[in-house]
Amino acid sequence: MKLSLIVAFSITAFLVVTCKHEIPLKDGNNNSDTCGTIVSTYSGGVAPLLTTYCTKCHNATTTRAGIDLSAYDGVKTVALNGRLLGSIKQATGYKPMPPGTTKLTGCQIRQIEKWVSAGAINN
């Protein structure tokens, strides 16, 4: 009896430790929408977000702060040096972006984070 309890406890402990459950992320506005289907590629997810929120000021013609987010090379540079995530997360020491409007949602930020974590590749 003791042996079966020890075995059952061991199996349960093993499953608890090794089983990973992903909790869906909620967006930054605390809506019930989840981020389970976010696209974290450059062309399918990141570039459209940057076009919507960033390229009005950060483009080839108007390179505010010397940053052009209208093309991959410019985005990759600020993605890999940390400025992109620092600004959109509105972290201490970075200029909060986008200015004059609300912060990107948690899902949108996570989408860009996943792309940067994957190496900020042109995909």
C-alpha atoms as a PDB file:
ATOM      1  CA  MET A   1       0.000   0.000   0.000  1.00  0.00           C
ATOM      2  CA  LYS A   2       2.788   2.426   0.922  1.00  0.00           C
ATOM      3  CA  LEU A   3       4.596   1.646  -2.307  1.00  0.00           C
ATOM      4  CA  SER A   4       1.497   2.376  -4.422  1.00  0.00           C
ATOM      5  CA  LEU A   5       0.995   5.697  -2.611  1.00  0.00           C
ATOM      6  CA  ILE A   6       4.622   6.644  -3.182  1.00  0.00           C
ATOM      7  CA  VAL A   7       4.368   5.700  -6.873  1.00  0.00           C
ATOM      8  CA  ALA A   8       1.083   7.611  -7.295  1.00  0.00           C
ATOM      9  CA  PHE A   9       2.526  10.663  -5.525  1.00  0.00           C
ATOM     10  CA  SER A  10       5.694  10.511  -7.616  1.00  0.00           C
ATOM     11  CA  ILE A  11       3.762  10.324 -10.878  1.00  0.00           C
ATOM     12  CA  THR A  12       1.507  13.203  -9.848  1.00  0.00           C
ATOM     13  CA  ALA A  13       4.483  15.323  -8.804  1.00  0.00           C
ATOM     14  CA  PHE A  14       6.237  14.538 -12.078  1.00  0.00           C
ATOM     15  CA  LEU A  15       3.183  15.538 -14.119  1.00  0.00           C
ATOM     16  CA  VAL A  16       2.720  18.779 -12.184  1.00  0.00           C
ATOM     17  CA  VAL A  17       6.348  19.769 -12.676  1.00  0.00           C
ATOM     18  CA  THR A  18       6.654  18.776 -16.346  1.00  0.00           C
ATOM     19  CA  CYS A  19       3.217  19.690 -17.651  1.00  0.00           C
ATOM     20  CA  LYS A  20       3.198  23.201 -19.107  1.00  0.00           C
ATOM     21  CA  HIS A  21      -0.057  25.019 -19.514  1.00  0.00           C
ATOM     22  CA  GLU A  22       0.022  28.234 -21.459  1.00  0.00           C
ATOM     23  CA  ILE A  23      -2.292  30.837 -20.059  1.00  0.00           C
ATOM     24  CA  PRO A  24      -3.689  33.002 -22.837  1.00  0.00           C
ATOM     25  CA  LEU A  25      -2.493  36.584 -22.632  1.00  0.00           C
ATOM     26  CA  LYS A  26      -5.094  39.287 -22.379  1.00  0.00           C
ATOM     27  CA  ASP A  27      -4.627  42.467 -24.283  1.00  0.00           C
ATOM     28  CA  GLY A  28      -3.437  45.623 -22.544  1.00  0.00           C
ATOM     29  CA  ASN A  29      -6.968  46.962 -22.246  1.00  0.00           C
ATOM     30  CA  ASN A  30      -8.037  44.028 -20.055  1.00  0.00           C
ATOM     31  CA  ASN A  31     -10.520  42.843 -22.648  1.00  0.00           C
ATOM     32  CA  SER A  32     -11.477  39.205 -22.737  1.00  0.00           C
ATOM     33  CA  ASP A  33      -9.800  38.764 -26.141  1.00  0.00           C
ATOM     34  CA  THR A  34      -6.784  36.508 -26.019  1.00  0.00           C
ATOM     35  CA  CYS A  35      -3.523  36.519 -27.936  1.00  0.00           C
ATOM     36  CA  GLY A  36      -3.620  32.859 -28.810  1.00  0.00           C
ATOM     37  CA  THR A  37      -3.589  33.451 -32.553  1.00  0.00           C
ATOM     38  CA  ILE A  38      -1.067  36.272 -32.858  1.00  0.00           C
ATOM     39  CA  VAL A  39       1.166  36.318 -35.912  1.00  0.00           C
ATOM     40  CA  SER A  40       4.780  36.986 -34.995  1.00  0.00           C
ATOM     41  CA  THR A  41       6.341  37.197 -38.432  1.00  0.00           C
ATOM     42  CA  TYR A  42       7.701  40.449 -39.789  1.00  0.00           C
ATOM     43  CA  SER A  43       5.479  40.651 -42.870  1.00  0.00           C
ATOM     44  CA  GLY A  44       2.339  39.150 -41.344  1.00  0.00           C
ATOM     45  CA  GLY A  45       2.330  40.778 -37.919  1.00  0.00           C
ATOM     46  CA  VAL A  46       5.060  43.268 -37.106  1.00  0.00           C
ATOM     47  CA  ALA A  47       5.134  45.370 -40.290  1.00  0.00           C
ATOM     48  CA  PRO A  48       1.350  45.978 -40.285  1.00  0.00           C
ATOM     49  CA  LEU A  49       1.510  47.145 -36.641  1.00  0.00           C
ATOM     50  CA  LEU A  50       4.397  49.485 -37.394  1.00  0.00           C
ATOM     51  CA  THR A  51       2.560  50.849 -40.434  1.00  0.00           C
ATOM     52  CA  THR A  52      -0.503  51.547 -38.307  1.00  0.00           C
ATOM     53  CA  TYR A  53       1.215  53.066 -35.287  1.00  0.00           C
ATOM     54  CA  CYS A  54       4.742  54.175 -36.205  1.00  0.00           C
ATOM     55  CA  THR A  55       5.511  54.992 -39.805  1.00  0.00           C
ATOM     56  CA  LYS A  56       3.607  58.272 -39.852  1.00  0.00           C
ATOM     57  CA  CYS A  57       6.600  59.738 -37.972  1.00  0.00           C
ATOM     58  CA  HIS A  58       9.300  57.126 -38.555  1.00  0.00           C
ATOM     59  CA  ASN A  59       9.579  56.716 -42.330  1.00  0.00           C
ATOM     60  CA  ALA A  60      12.155  57.323 -45.050  1.00  0.00           C
ATOM     61  CA  THR A  61      11.115  60.982 -45.393  1.00  0.00           C
ATOM     62  CA  THR A  62      10.363  61.847 -41.769  1.00  0.00           C
ATOM     63  CA  THR A  63      12.942  59.944 -39.756  1.00  0.00           C
ATOM     64  CA  ARG A  64      12.154  61.275 -36.307  1.00  0.00           C
ATOM     65  CA  ALA A  65      15.018  60.503 -33.941  1.00  0.00           C
ATOM     66  CA  GLY A  66      16.847  59.102 -36.975  1.00  0.00           C
ATOM     67  CA  ILE A  67      14.581  56.046 -37.051  1.00  0.00           C
ATOM     68  CA  ASP A  68      12.938  54.693 -40.203  1.00  0.00           C
ATOM     69  CA  LEU A  69      10.425  51.950 -39.466  1.00  0.00           C
ATOM     70  CA  SER A  70       9.002  51.782 -42.975  1.00  0.00           C
ATOM     71  CA  ALA A  71      11.501  49.149 -44.157  1.00  0.00           C
ATOM     72  CA  TYR A  72      12.874  45.963 -42.639  1.00  0.00           C
ATOM     73  CA  ASP A  73      16.502  47.123 -42.228  1.00  0.00           C
ATOM     74  CA  GLY A  74      15.524  50.098 -40.060  1.00  0.00           C
ATOM     75  CA  VAL A  75      13.165  47.991 -37.973  1.00  0.00           C
ATOM     76  CA  LYS A  76      15.752  45.264 -37.466  1.00  0.00           C
ATOM     77  CA  THR A  77      18.308  47.777 -36.173  1.00  0.00           C
ATOM     78  CA  VAL A  78      16.036  49.174 -33.436  1.00  0.00           C
ATOM     79  CA  ALA A  79      14.602  45.739 -32.688  1.00  0.00           C
ATOM     80  CA  LEU A  80      17.996  44.205 -32.004  1.00  0.00           C
ATOM     81  CA  ASN A  81      19.368  47.155 -30.010  1.00  0.00           C
ATOM     82  CA  GLY A  82      16.319  47.147 -27.707  1.00  0.00           C
ATOM     83  CA  ARG A  83      14.946  50.568 -28.602  1.00  0.00           C
ATOM     84  CA  LEU A  84      11.813  49.247 -30.298  1.00  0.00           C
ATOM     85  CA  LEU A  85      10.587  47.158 -27.371  1.00  0.00           C
ATOM     86  CA  GLY A  86      11.788  49.682 -24.796  1.00  0.00           C
ATOM     87  CA  SER A  87       9.738  52.423 -26.428  1.00  0.00           C
ATOM     88  CA  ILE A  88       6.553  50.460 -27.141  1.00  0.00           C
ATOM     89  CA  LYS A  89       6.613  48.940 -23.647  1.00  0.00           C
ATOM     90  CA  GLN A  90       7.130  52.485 -22.378  1.00  0.00           C
ATOM     91  CA  ALA A  91       9.971  51.261 -20.183  1.00  0.00           C
ATOM     92  CA  THR A  92      11.987  53.600 -17.990  1.00  0.00           C
ATOM     93  CA  GLY A  93      14.761  55.277 -19.954  1.00  0.00           C
ATOM     94  CA  TYR A  94      12.962  55.053 -23.312  1.00  0.00           C
ATOM     95  CA  LYS A  95      10.732  57.589 -25.015  1.00  0.00           C
ATOM     96  CA  PRO A  96       7.178  56.197 -24.772  1.00  0.00           C
ATOM     97  CA  MET A  97       5.711  55.293 -28.158  1.00  0.00           C
ATOM     98  CA  PRO A  98       3.400  55.927 -29.820  1.00  0.00           C
ATOM     99  CA  PRO A  99       3.206  59.503 -28.522  1.00  0.00           C
ATOM    100  CA  GLY A 100      -0.083  61.259 -27.873  1.00  0.00           C
ATOM    101  CA  THR A 101      -2.133  58.075 -27.912  1.00  0.00           C
ATOM    102  CA  THR A 102      -2.656  54.947 -25.877  1.00  0.00           C
ATOM    103  CA  LYS A 103       0.018  52.307 -25.498  1.00  0.00           C
ATOM    104  CA  LEU A 104      -0.116  49.303 -27.815  1.00  0.00           C
ATOM    105  CA  THR A 105      -2.101  46.423 -26.350  1.00  0.00           C
ATOM    106  CA  GLY A 106      -0.395  43.609 -24.494  1.00  0.00           C
ATOM    107  CA  CYS A 107      -1.095  41.319 -27.453  1.00  0.00           C
ATOM    108  CA  GLN A 108       0.451  43.724 -29.929  1.00  0.00           C
ATOM    109  CA  ILE A 109       3.553  44.127 -27.762  1.00  0.00           C
ATOM    110  CA  ARG A 110       3.805  40.360 -27.284  1.00  0.00           C
ATOM    111  CA  GLN A 111       3.598  39.905 -31.054  1.00  0.00           C
ATOM    112  CA  ILE A 112       6.620  42.150 -31.565  1.00  0.00           C
ATOM    113  CA  GLU A 113       8.430  40.563 -28.601  1.00  0.00           C
ATOM    114  CA  LYS A 114       8.037  37.099 -30.103  1.00  0.00           C
ATOM    115  CA  TRP A 115       9.441  38.296 -33.417  1.00  0.00           C
ATOM    116  CA  VAL A 116      12.416  39.988 -31.774  1.00  0.00           C
ATOM    117  CA  SER A 117      13.066  36.919 -29.595  1.00  0.00           C
ATOM    118  CA  ALA A 118      13.113  34.781 -32.725  1.00  0.00           C
ATOM    119  CA  GLY A 119      15.961  36.920 -34.094  1.00  0.00           C
ATOM    120  CA  ALA A 120      13.991  39.713 -35.825  1.00  0.00           C
ATOM    121  CA  ILE A 121      14.209  37.861 -39.112  1.00  0.00           C
ATOM    122  CA  ASN A 122      12.730  39.107 -42.374  1.00  0.00           C
ATOM    123  CA  ASN A 123       9.927  36.577 -42.664  1.00  0.00           C
END
